[in-house]
């Protein structure tokens, strides 16, 4: 069985690097890449026979978190692994909430990336150890996004 992979990444050289890392594994079949979430969704409409999406977080037009949310609603069978440089709590929280099946940091070795793909295919959740620790900390101390301050002066006034 060949696992069908696609990549959402706005940096061409990083996309090529991921493809090269996965080229060592005979049961991985690279199908296509997209430079942003909107382009990926458009390509999935033509071919959603995909097992795993490797998704960057920060991309122009549509970021990876919004794309993850849309894809998981429309194509729940597709597994999504966030593959990014960003390990900040708000990205991790938002990605998990959007339905990501894994969250890996970009510098991951080829064999670990491959094993992470197999892990999500088999129902697991793949995370770089430092990300797993942050996720546990988020569960212990939930991240509460900062509320925007009201610019309407009446909302800031007391009844008196």
C-alpha atoms as a PDB file:
ATOM      1  CA  UNK A   1       0.000   0.000   0.000  1.00  0.00           C
ATOM      2  CA  UNK A   2       1.318   3.410  -0.955  1.00  0.00           C
ATOM      3  CA  UNK A   3       0.536   6.393   1.263  1.00  0.00           C
ATOM      4  CA  UNK A   4      -0.506   9.440  -0.737  1.00  0.00           C
ATOM      5  CA  UNK A   5       1.018  12.668   0.571  1.00  0.00           C
ATOM      6  CA  UNK A   6       0.614  16.315  -0.395  1.00  0.00           C
ATOM      7  CA  UNK A   7       2.382  19.374   0.971  1.00  0.00           C
ATOM      8  CA  UNK A   8       1.149  22.897   1.711  1.00  0.00           C
ATOM      9  CA  UNK A   9       4.231  25.113   1.920  1.00  0.00           C
ATOM     10  CA  UNK A  10       4.873  28.574   0.477  1.00  0.00           C
ATOM     11  CA  UNK A  11       8.660  28.105   0.267  1.00  0.00           C
ATOM     12  CA  UNK A  12       9.624  26.090  -2.821  1.00  0.00           C
ATOM     13  CA  UNK A  13      12.990  25.004  -1.389  1.00  0.00           C
ATOM     14  CA  UNK A  14      11.408  23.728   1.829  1.00  0.00           C
ATOM     15  CA  UNK A  15       8.862  21.783  -0.230  1.00  0.00           C
ATOM     16  CA  UNK A  16      11.687  20.186  -2.222  1.00  0.00           C
ATOM     17  CA  UNK A  17      13.501  19.359   1.029  1.00  0.00           C
ATOM     18  CA  UNK A  18      10.421  17.557   2.400  1.00  0.00           C
ATOM     19  CA  UNK A  19       9.976  15.642  -0.871  1.00  0.00           C
ATOM     20  CA  UNK A  20      13.645  14.615  -0.740  1.00  0.00           C
ATOM     21  CA  UNK A  21      13.312  13.441   2.897  1.00  0.00           C
ATOM     22  CA  UNK A  22      10.343  11.262   1.979  1.00  0.00           C
ATOM     23  CA  UNK A  23      11.888   9.907  -1.247  1.00  0.00           C
ATOM     24  CA  UNK A  24      13.808   7.296   0.786  1.00  0.00           C
ATOM     25  CA  UNK A  25      10.584   5.465   1.662  1.00  0.00           C
ATOM     26  CA  UNK A  26       9.031   3.252  -1.014  1.00  0.00           C
ATOM     27  CA  UNK A  27       5.542   3.298   0.479  1.00  0.00           C
ATOM     28  CA  UNK A  28       5.225   7.104   0.286  1.00  0.00           C
ATOM     29  CA  UNK A  29       3.806   8.587  -2.881  1.00  0.00           C
ATOM     30  CA  UNK A  30       4.043  12.369  -3.286  1.00  0.00           C
ATOM     31  CA  UNK A  31       0.977  13.644  -5.195  1.00  0.00           C
ATOM     32  CA  UNK A  32       1.181  17.451  -5.290  1.00  0.00           C
ATOM     33  CA  UNK A  33       2.077  20.607  -3.399  1.00  0.00           C
ATOM     34  CA  UNK A  34       0.387  23.957  -2.873  1.00  0.00           C
ATOM     35  CA  UNK A  35       1.837  27.307  -1.868  1.00  0.00           C
ATOM     36  CA  UNK A  36      -1.045  28.214   0.475  1.00  0.00           C
ATOM     37  CA  UNK A  37      -4.171  26.799   2.099  1.00  0.00           C
ATOM     38  CA  UNK A  38      -6.581  28.096  -0.553  1.00  0.00           C
ATOM     39  CA  UNK A  39      -4.562  26.509  -3.373  1.00  0.00           C
ATOM     40  CA  UNK A  40      -4.432  23.221  -1.458  1.00  0.00           C
ATOM     41  CA  UNK A  41      -8.210  23.192  -0.963  1.00  0.00           C
ATOM     42  CA  UNK A  42      -8.663  23.872  -4.683  1.00  0.00           C
ATOM     43  CA  UNK A  43      -6.378  20.926  -5.549  1.00  0.00           C
ATOM     44  CA  UNK A  44      -8.171  18.671  -3.032  1.00  0.00           C
ATOM     45  CA  UNK A  45     -11.469  19.427  -4.803  1.00  0.00           C
ATOM     46  CA  UNK A  46      -9.968  17.857  -7.931  1.00  0.00           C
ATOM     47  CA  UNK A  47      -8.233  14.988  -6.093  1.00  0.00           C
ATOM     48  CA  UNK A  48      -8.993  14.301  -2.428  1.00  0.00           C
ATOM     49  CA  UNK A  49      -7.651  10.754  -2.601  1.00  0.00           C
ATOM     50  CA  UNK A  50      -4.918  11.823  -0.166  1.00  0.00           C
ATOM     51  CA  UNK A  51      -3.873  10.142   3.076  1.00  0.00           C
ATOM     52  CA  UNK A  52      -1.760  12.848   4.728  1.00  0.00           C
ATOM     53  CA  UNK A  53      -1.217  16.577   4.264  1.00  0.00           C
ATOM     54  CA  UNK A  54       2.010  18.115   5.565  1.00  0.00           C
ATOM     55  CA  UNK A  55       0.898  21.671   6.365  1.00  0.00           C
ATOM     56  CA  UNK A  56       2.875  24.816   7.089  1.00  0.00           C
ATOM     57  CA  UNK A  57       1.265  27.283   9.525  1.00  0.00           C
ATOM     58  CA  UNK A  58       2.177  30.680   8.114  1.00  0.00           C
ATOM     59  CA  UNK A  59       1.345  31.043   4.426  1.00  0.00           C
ATOM     60  CA  UNK A  60      -0.073  33.887   2.342  1.00  0.00           C
ATOM     61  CA  UNK A  61      -3.724  33.963   1.157  1.00  0.00           C
ATOM     62  CA  UNK A  62      -4.870  31.287   3.646  1.00  0.00           C
ATOM     63  CA  UNK A  63      -2.815  30.069   6.593  1.00  0.00           C
ATOM     64  CA  UNK A  64      -2.418  26.424   7.568  1.00  0.00           C
ATOM     65  CA  UNK A  65      -4.696  26.587  10.593  1.00  0.00           C
ATOM     66  CA  UNK A  66      -7.684  27.895   8.624  1.00  0.00           C
ATOM     67  CA  UNK A  67      -6.973  25.382   5.839  1.00  0.00           C
ATOM     68  CA  UNK A  68      -6.786  22.550   8.402  1.00  0.00           C
ATOM     69  CA  UNK A  69     -10.172  23.525   9.808  1.00  0.00           C
ATOM     70  CA  UNK A  70     -11.796  23.567   6.341  1.00  0.00           C
ATOM     71  CA  UNK A  71     -10.154  20.322   5.172  1.00  0.00           C
ATOM     72  CA  UNK A  72     -11.086  18.398   8.337  1.00  0.00           C
ATOM     73  CA  UNK A  73     -14.744  19.391   7.902  1.00  0.00           C
ATOM     74  CA  UNK A  74     -14.878  18.582   4.194  1.00  0.00           C
ATOM     75  CA  UNK A  75     -12.508  15.580   4.082  1.00  0.00           C
ATOM     76  CA  UNK A  76     -12.383  14.052   7.582  1.00  0.00           C
ATOM     77  CA  UNK A  77     -10.469  11.002   6.297  1.00  0.00           C
ATOM     78  CA  UNK A  78      -7.404  13.130   5.474  1.00  0.00           C
ATOM     79  CA  UNK A  79      -4.798  13.291   8.238  1.00  0.00           C
ATOM     80  CA  UNK A  80      -3.034  16.626   8.693  1.00  0.00           C
ATOM     81  CA  UNK A  81       0.393  17.077  10.228  1.00  0.00           C
ATOM     82  CA  UNK A  82       1.516  20.620  10.900  1.00  0.00           C
ATOM     83  CA  UNK A  83       5.154  20.896   9.820  1.00  0.00           C
ATOM     84  CA  UNK A  84       6.570  24.275  10.782  1.00  0.00           C
ATOM     85  CA  UNK A  85       9.316  26.324  12.420  1.00  0.00           C
ATOM     86  CA  UNK A  86       6.834  27.836  14.893  1.00  0.00           C
ATOM     87  CA  UNK A  87       6.545  26.249  18.322  1.00  0.00           C
ATOM     88  CA  UNK A  88       4.570  28.982  19.984  1.00  0.00           C
ATOM     89  CA  UNK A  89       1.660  28.052  22.257  1.00  0.00           C
ATOM     90  CA  UNK A  90      -1.038  29.876  20.321  1.00  0.00           C
ATOM     91  CA  UNK A  91      -0.167  28.066  17.057  1.00  0.00           C
ATOM     92  CA  UNK A  92      -0.134  24.681  18.789  1.00  0.00           C
ATOM     93  CA  UNK A  93      -3.458  25.396  20.512  1.00  0.00           C
ATOM     94  CA  UNK A  94      -5.139  26.669  17.341  1.00  0.00           C
ATOM     95  CA  UNK A  95      -3.792  23.816  15.188  1.00  0.00           C
ATOM     96  CA  UNK A  96      -5.021  21.124  17.587  1.00  0.00           C
ATOM     97  CA  UNK A  97      -8.379  22.878  17.897  1.00  0.00           C
ATOM     98  CA  UNK A  98      -8.640  23.046  14.079  1.00  0.00           C
ATOM     99  CA  UNK A  99      -8.214  19.257  13.902  1.00  0.00           C
ATOM    100  CA  UNK A 100      -4.516  18.692  13.186  1.00  0.00           C
ATOM    101  CA  UNK A 101      -3.430  15.093  13.794  1.00  0.00           C
ATOM    102  CA  UNK A 102       0.144  16.053  14.540  1.00  0.00           C
ATOM    103  CA  UNK A 103       2.477  18.987  15.060  1.00  0.00           C
ATOM    104  CA  UNK A 104       6.132  18.645  14.101  1.00  0.00           C
ATOM    105  CA  UNK A 105       9.010  21.063  13.923  1.00  0.00           C
ATOM    106  CA  UNK A 106      10.647  21.430  10.534  1.00  0.00           C
ATOM    107  CA  UNK A 107      14.122  20.201  11.506  1.00  0.00           C
ATOM    108  CA  UNK A 108      12.779  16.655  12.009  1.00  0.00           C
ATOM    109  CA  UNK A 109      14.913  13.854  10.550  1.00  0.00           C
ATOM    110  CA  UNK A 110      13.586  11.894   7.552  1.00  0.00           C
ATOM    111  CA  UNK A 111      13.029   8.631   9.485  1.00  0.00           C
ATOM    112  CA  UNK A 112      11.158  10.461  12.284  1.00  0.00           C
ATOM    113  CA  UNK A 113       8.974  12.263   9.738  1.00  0.00           C
ATOM    114  CA  UNK A 114       8.186   8.933   8.086  1.00  0.00           C
ATOM    115  CA  UNK A 115       7.368   7.306  11.448  1.00  0.00           C
ATOM    116  CA  UNK A 116       5.155  10.275  12.343  1.00  0.00           C
ATOM    117  CA  UNK A 117       3.197   9.822   9.097  1.00  0.00           C
ATOM    118  CA  UNK A 118       2.693   6.136   9.931  1.00  0.00           C
ATOM    119  CA  UNK A 119       1.663   7.095  13.471  1.00  0.00           C
ATOM    120  CA  UNK A 120      -1.163   9.403  12.313  1.00  0.00           C
ATOM    121  CA  UNK A 121      -2.278   6.898   9.658  1.00  0.00           C
ATOM    122  CA  UNK A 122      -2.650   4.344  12.464  1.00  0.00           C
ATOM    123  CA  UNK A 123      -4.755   6.705  14.584  1.00  0.00           C
ATOM    124  CA  UNK A 124      -2.021   8.272  16.699  1.00  0.00           C
ATOM    125  CA  UNK A 125      -0.999  11.884  17.205  1.00  0.00           C
ATOM    126  CA  UNK A 126       2.521  12.723  16.083  1.00  0.00           C
ATOM    127  CA  UNK A 127       4.335  15.463  17.969  1.00  0.00           C
ATOM    128  CA  UNK A 128       7.912  16.583  18.330  1.00  0.00           C
ATOM    129  CA  UNK A 129       8.792  15.966  22.028  1.00  0.00           C
ATOM    130  CA  UNK A 130       9.081  19.697  22.799  1.00  0.00           C
ATOM    131  CA  UNK A 131       5.658  20.270  21.194  1.00  0.00           C
ATOM    132  CA  UNK A 132       4.147  17.389  23.201  1.00  0.00           C
ATOM    133  CA  UNK A 133       5.428  19.032  26.382  1.00  0.00           C
ATOM    134  CA  UNK A 134       3.907  22.366  25.366  1.00  0.00           C
ATOM    135  CA  UNK A 135       0.597  20.621  24.556  1.00  0.00           C
ATOM    136  CA  UNK A 136       0.582  19.016  28.007  1.00  0.00           C
ATOM    137  CA  UNK A 137       1.264  22.388  29.590  1.00  0.00           C
ATOM    138  CA  UNK A 138      -1.596  23.889  27.572  1.00  0.00           C
ATOM    139  CA  UNK A 139      -3.908  21.202  28.969  1.00  0.00           C
ATOM    140  CA  UNK A 140      -2.745  21.959  32.490  1.00  0.00           C
ATOM    141  CA  UNK A 141      -2.953  25.727  32.010  1.00  0.00           C
ATOM    142  CA  UNK A 142      -5.319  26.414  29.104  1.00  0.00           C
ATOM    143  CA  UNK A 143      -4.309  29.124  26.696  1.00  0.00           C
ATOM    144  CA  UNK A 144      -6.841  31.934  26.741  1.00  0.00           C
ATOM    145  CA  UNK A 145      -6.493  34.228  23.738  1.00  0.00           C
ATOM    146  CA  UNK A 146      -6.347  37.883  24.721  1.00  0.00           C
ATOM    147  CA  UNK A 147      -9.695  39.601  24.298  1.00  0.00           C
ATOM    148  CA  UNK A 148      -9.657  42.693  22.148  1.00  0.00           C
ATOM    149  CA  UNK A 149     -10.236  45.826  24.115  1.00  0.00           C
ATOM    150  CA  UNK A 150     -13.395  47.631  23.233  1.00  0.00           C
ATOM    151  CA  UNK A 151     -12.971  50.922  21.487  1.00  0.00           C
ATOM    152  CA  UNK A 152     -16.571  51.828  22.265  1.00  0.00           C
ATOM    153  CA  UNK A 153     -16.387  54.148  25.282  1.00  0.00           C
ATOM    154  CA  UNK A 154     -19.880  53.181  26.492  1.00  0.00           C
ATOM    155  CA  UNK A 155     -18.754  49.567  27.009  1.00  0.00           C
ATOM    156  CA  UNK A 156     -16.108  50.818  29.428  1.00  0.00           C
ATOM    157  CA  UNK A 157     -18.476  52.912  31.532  1.00  0.00           C
ATOM    158  CA  UNK A 158     -20.125  51.636  34.688  1.00  0.00           C
ATOM    159  CA  UNK A 159     -23.905  51.967  35.091  1.00  0.00           C
ATOM    160  CA  UNK A 160     -23.311  54.819  37.483  1.00  0.00           C
END
